[in-house]
Protein backbone atom coordinates (compact mmCIF):
# COMPACT_ATOMS: atom_id res chain seq x y z
CA UNK A 1 -96.24 -13.04 -21.90
CA UNK A 2 -94.70 -10.40 -19.64
CA UNK A 3 -97.01 -7.61 -18.52
CA UNK A 4 -94.88 -4.57 -19.31
CA UNK A 5 -97.37 -2.19 -17.70
CA UNK A 6 -96.22 -3.39 -14.27
CA UNK A 7 -92.74 -1.97 -14.87
CA UNK A 8 -90.97 1.30 -15.59
CA UNK A 9 -88.39 2.29 -18.18
CA UNK A 10 -85.88 5.09 -17.60
CA UNK A 11 -84.42 6.83 -20.65
CA UNK A 12 -81.43 9.00 -19.77
CA UNK A 13 -80.84 11.49 -22.57
CA UNK A 14 -84.39 11.55 -23.94
CA UNK A 15 -83.56 14.07 -26.65
CA UNK A 16 -85.62 15.23 -29.59
CA UNK A 17 -84.67 12.38 -31.95
CA UNK A 18 -83.42 8.97 -30.82
CA UNK A 19 -84.22 9.47 -27.14
CA UNK A 20 -87.73 10.61 -27.93
CA UNK A 21 -88.31 7.68 -30.30
CA UNK A 22 -87.04 5.22 -27.68
CA UNK A 23 -89.33 6.69 -25.04
CA UNK A 24 -92.36 6.51 -27.33
CA UNK A 25 -91.58 2.95 -28.41
CA UNK A 26 -91.33 1.57 -24.89
CA UNK A 27 -94.41 3.54 -23.85
CA UNK A 28 -96.36 2.09 -26.77
CA UNK A 29 -95.60 -1.39 -25.44
CA UNK A 30 -97.06 -0.58 -22.04
CA UNK A 31 -94.08 0.58 -19.98
CA UNK A 32 -94.41 3.48 -17.58
CA UNK A 33 -91.70 5.61 -19.20
CA UNK A 34 -89.54 8.10 -17.35
CA UNK A 35 -87.60 10.25 -19.84
CA UNK A 36 -84.83 12.37 -18.33
CA UNK A 37 -82.65 15.23 -19.52
CA UNK A 38 -80.74 18.01 -17.83
CA UNK A 39 -82.98 20.42 -15.93
CA UNK A 40 -82.52 23.17 -18.52
CA UNK A 41 -84.43 20.94 -20.96
CA UNK A 42 -87.22 19.99 -18.56
CA UNK A 43 -89.85 21.74 -20.70
CA UNK A 44 -88.98 19.53 -23.66
CA UNK A 45 -89.08 16.42 -21.48
CA UNK A 46 -92.49 17.39 -20.15
CA UNK A 47 -93.73 18.02 -23.69
CA UNK A 48 -92.63 14.51 -24.63
CA UNK A 49 -94.36 13.06 -21.57
CA UNK A 50 -97.56 14.98 -22.38
CA UNK A 51 -97.51 13.70 -25.95
CA UNK A 52 -97.25 10.13 -24.72
CA UNK A 53 -100.06 10.61 -22.20
CA UNK A 54 -102.32 12.08 -24.88
CA UNK A 55 -101.75 8.93 -26.96
CA UNK A 56 -102.81 6.73 -24.06
CA UNK A 57 -99.44 5.91 -22.50
CA UNK A 58 -97.98 6.61 -19.08
CA UNK A 59 -95.06 9.02 -18.79
CA UNK A 60 -93.37 11.31 -16.30
CA UNK A 61 -90.50 13.63 -17.21
CA UNK A 62 -87.46 14.26 -15.02
CA UNK A 63 -84.74 16.90 -15.01
CA UNK A 64 -81.42 15.43 -13.91
CA UNK A 65 -77.73 15.75 -14.69
CA UNK A 66 -76.53 12.16 -15.10
CA UNK A 67 -73.05 13.22 -13.97
CA UNK A 68 -74.44 14.02 -10.53
CA UNK A 69 -74.41 10.79 -8.54
CA UNK A 70 -76.73 12.00 -5.79
CA UNK A 71 -79.26 13.33 -8.30
CA UNK A 72 -79.16 10.08 -10.25
CA UNK A 73 -79.66 8.03 -7.09
CA UNK A 74 -82.66 10.16 -6.19
CA UNK A 75 -84.14 9.67 -9.67
CA UNK A 76 -83.85 5.88 -9.53
CA UNK A 77 -85.21 5.75 -5.99
CA UNK A 78 -88.25 7.84 -6.92
CA UNK A 79 -89.02 5.79 -10.02
CA UNK A 80 -88.60 2.46 -8.21
CA UNK A 81 -90.70 3.45 -5.21
CA UNK A 82 -93.27 5.82 -6.70
CA UNK A 83 -93.73 4.73 -10.32
CA UNK A 84 -93.02 1.02 -10.84
CA UNK A 85 -90.16 -1.48 -10.53
CA UNK A 86 -87.38 -0.54 -12.94
CA UNK A 87 -87.11 -3.03 -15.80
CA UNK A 88 -85.40 -1.04 -18.57
CA UNK A 89 -82.70 1.63 -18.40
CA UNK A 90 -81.33 3.24 -21.57
CA UNK A 91 -78.32 5.54 -21.45
CA UNK A 92 -78.51 7.80 -24.49
CA UNK A 93 -76.91 11.24 -23.86
CA UNK A 94 -75.12 12.94 -26.73
CA UNK A 95 -71.61 14.25 -26.13
CA UNK A 96 -70.22 14.63 -29.63
CA UNK A 97 -67.70 17.43 -30.14
CA UNK A 98 -65.09 18.12 -32.79
CA UNK A 99 -61.78 19.73 -31.84
CA UNK A 100 -58.29 19.32 -33.32
CA UNK A 101 -56.03 17.91 -30.64
CA UNK A 102 -54.29 21.24 -29.94
CA UNK A 103 -57.67 22.92 -29.50
CA UNK A 104 -58.98 20.23 -27.15
CA UNK A 105 -58.77 21.81 -23.73
CA UNK A 106 -58.54 19.75 -20.58
CA UNK A 107 -61.95 21.10 -19.60
CA UNK A 108 -63.53 19.88 -22.85
CA UNK A 109 -61.86 16.48 -22.58
CA UNK A 110 -62.99 16.01 -18.99
CA UNK A 111 -66.54 17.24 -19.63
CA UNK A 112 -67.05 14.89 -22.58
CA UNK A 113 -65.70 11.98 -20.55
CA UNK A 114 -68.06 12.86 -17.70
CA UNK A 115 -71.06 13.03 -20.04
CA UNK A 116 -70.40 9.92 -22.13
CA UNK A 117 -68.46 7.58 -19.83
CA UNK A 118 -68.71 8.57 -16.17
CA UNK A 119 -72.44 9.24 -16.38
CA UNK A 120 -72.88 5.88 -18.13
CA UNK A 121 -71.06 4.14 -15.30
CA UNK A 122 -73.25 5.87 -12.70
CA UNK A 123 -76.40 4.98 -14.63
CA UNK A 124 -75.42 1.34 -15.04
CA UNK A 125 -74.47 1.07 -11.39
CA UNK A 126 -77.83 2.36 -10.18
CA UNK A 127 -79.75 0.20 -12.66
CA UNK A 128 -77.92 -2.93 -11.50
CA UNK A 129 -78.72 -2.18 -7.87
CA UNK A 130 -82.45 -2.45 -8.49
CA UNK A 131 -82.51 -5.10 -11.21
CA UNK A 132 -80.42 -7.60 -9.24
CA UNK A 133 -83.22 -7.80 -6.67
CA UNK A 134 -85.44 -9.36 -9.36
CA UNK A 135 -82.80 -11.06 -11.49
CA UNK A 136 -84.06 -9.53 -14.71
CA UNK A 137 -84.01 -6.29 -16.66
CA UNK A 138 -82.29 -4.58 -19.58
CA UNK A 139 -79.52 -1.97 -19.43
CA UNK A 140 -78.73 -0.47 -22.83
CA UNK A 141 -75.98 1.95 -23.81
CA UNK A 142 -75.99 4.04 -26.99
CA UNK A 143 -72.60 4.09 -28.68
CA UNK A 144 -71.36 5.60 -31.93
CA UNK A 145 -68.83 5.17 -34.71
CA UNK A 146 -66.40 6.69 -32.20
CA UNK A 147 -66.93 3.67 -29.95
CA UNK A 148 -64.97 1.62 -32.48
CA UNK A 149 -62.32 3.98 -33.82
CA UNK A 150 -60.84 7.36 -33.03
CA UNK A 151 -61.40 9.78 -35.87
CA UNK A 152 -59.32 12.85 -36.56
CA UNK A 153 -60.53 15.68 -34.34
CA UNK A 154 -62.51 13.42 -32.05
CA UNK A 155 -60.00 12.54 -29.34
CA UNK A 156 -62.34 13.58 -26.52
CA UNK A 157 -65.48 11.98 -27.92
CA UNK A 158 -63.80 8.77 -29.08
CA UNK A 159 -61.97 8.17 -25.82
CA UNK A 160 -65.21 8.65 -23.88
CA UNK A 161 -67.16 6.33 -26.17
CA UNK A 162 -64.39 3.72 -26.04
CA UNK A 163 -64.66 3.88 -22.26
CA UNK A 164 -68.44 3.54 -22.30
CA UNK A 165 -68.15 0.44 -24.48
CA UNK A 166 -65.73 -1.07 -21.96
CA UNK A 167 -68.16 -0.31 -19.13
CA UNK A 168 -70.92 -2.07 -21.08
CA UNK A 169 -68.74 -5.11 -21.76
CA UNK A 170 -67.70 -5.42 -18.13
CA UNK A 171 -71.28 -5.07 -16.93
CA UNK A 172 -72.55 -7.62 -19.43
CA UNK A 173 -70.06 -10.23 -18.21
CA UNK A 174 -70.85 -9.50 -14.57
CA UNK A 175 -74.62 -9.09 -14.76
CA UNK A 176 -75.57 -11.53 -17.51
CA UNK A 177 -75.42 -14.51 -15.14
CA UNK A 178 -77.71 -12.52 -12.83
CA UNK A 179 -80.38 -12.43 -15.54
CA UNK A 180 -79.74 -8.81 -16.56
CA UNK A 181 -79.35 -8.09 -20.26
CA UNK A 182 -76.65 -5.48 -20.94
CA UNK A 183 -76.27 -4.35 -24.55
CA UNK A 184 -74.27 -1.73 -26.42
CA UNK A 185 -75.55 -0.21 -29.67
CA UNK A 186 -73.12 1.22 -32.20
CA UNK A 187 -75.00 3.91 -34.11
CA UNK A 188 -72.83 4.30 -37.19
CA UNK A 189 -74.03 7.15 -39.36
CA UNK A 190 -75.93 10.41 -39.41
CA UNK A 191 -79.33 10.44 -37.70
CA UNK A 192 -82.38 12.35 -38.88
CA UNK A 193 -82.08 15.32 -36.53
CA UNK A 194 -82.44 19.09 -36.76
CA UNK A 195 -78.68 19.37 -36.21
CA UNK A 196 -77.88 17.24 -39.28
CA UNK A 197 -80.50 19.07 -41.34
CA UNK A 198 -79.07 22.49 -40.51
CA UNK A 199 -75.36 21.66 -40.41
CA UNK A 200 -74.97 19.00 -43.10
CA UNK A 201 -77.73 19.60 -45.69
CA UNK A 202 -76.00 17.41 -48.29
CA UNK A 203 -76.02 14.45 -45.91
CA UNK A 204 -79.57 15.20 -44.80
CA UNK A 205 -80.70 15.08 -48.43
CA UNK A 206 -79.93 11.34 -48.34
CA UNK A 207 -83.01 10.92 -46.16
CA UNK A 208 -85.08 10.60 -49.33
CA UNK A 209 -83.08 7.45 -50.14
CA UNK A 210 -83.13 6.12 -46.55
CA UNK A 211 -79.49 7.15 -46.39
CA UNK A 212 -79.58 8.44 -42.81
CA UNK A 213 -80.72 6.67 -39.69
CA UNK A 214 -84.34 7.12 -38.70
CA UNK A 215 -84.91 7.40 -34.92
CA UNK A 216 -88.02 5.20 -35.07
CA UNK A 217 -86.04 2.44 -36.82
CA UNK A 218 -83.33 2.69 -34.15
CA UNK A 219 -85.99 2.35 -31.45
CA UNK A 220 -87.35 -0.78 -33.12
CA UNK A 221 -83.88 -2.35 -32.90
CA UNK A 222 -83.64 -1.58 -29.19
CA UNK A 223 -87.04 -3.14 -28.61
CA UNK A 224 -86.00 -6.23 -30.58
CA UNK A 225 -82.93 -6.70 -28.40
CA UNK A 226 -84.94 -6.10 -25.24
CA UNK A 227 -87.42 -8.86 -26.11
CA UNK A 228 -84.84 -11.48 -27.09
CA UNK A 229 -85.02 -14.85 -25.37
CA UNK A 230 -82.22 -15.12 -22.83
CA UNK A 231 -80.85 -18.22 -24.56
CA UNK A 232 -79.83 -15.96 -27.48
CA UNK A 233 -78.96 -12.51 -26.18
CA UNK A 234 -77.17 -9.88 -28.24
CA UNK A 235 -74.56 -7.80 -26.44
CA UNK A 236 -73.48 -5.51 -29.28
CA UNK A 237 -75.47 -4.44 -32.29
CA UNK A 238 -74.34 -2.02 -34.98
CA UNK A 239 -76.88 0.02 -36.91
CA UNK A 240 -76.17 2.00 -40.07
CA UNK A 241 -77.90 3.00 -43.31
CA UNK A 242 -77.52 0.51 -46.15
CA UNK A 243 -75.36 2.98 -48.11
CA UNK A 244 -73.06 3.92 -45.21
CA UNK A 245 -69.38 3.02 -45.72
CA UNK A 246 -67.73 1.10 -42.91
């Protein structure tokens, strides 16, 4: 059995819900986890790292803007050389915005694309650089309903998520033969977050019936895909509550 404690896991977009749950899950299995968010959220990242350390895991928080190629390169280099060889990279930033097409400014469109697609490309590129040296590793991308269809008012978000899915597909075809597992996760439905609780209380009420996605359950699915035997790898997995229409 693989000794996970010899390796590191980088979680880009280690937010308060899914990102936090992913970080805790991989830490609980022995990985040296390196959660990262933009520098303005460094206190929250450090709180997450402290929580993991108090529970017996290894964690170090990082503040980085994944759209900044130089900053991302520095992050990967530090983790690889000072923490442990990189074995898992999860790209999980949120970039969801709603704007009718006439209200979607060029700045908004470009920013969302940078956050959801360009940053994903940069992350995948850096991950591949290190994983190819060892011919193994997992690179996971978090998608959304918008990865599959463009909803009304979501031209910026959908186009960015479509692009991220294409990046994941291209990488999977290129890196799979190198022993690197690239997977894309379509998260189809509301997640148990403070944003959903405050903004959509009617939807949040479905939590009592397991009608919204639980971050810990999402994290379990990522772990399942990560530990698959390479003779039966999943590239794309969709996750949604049992009552979600699709």
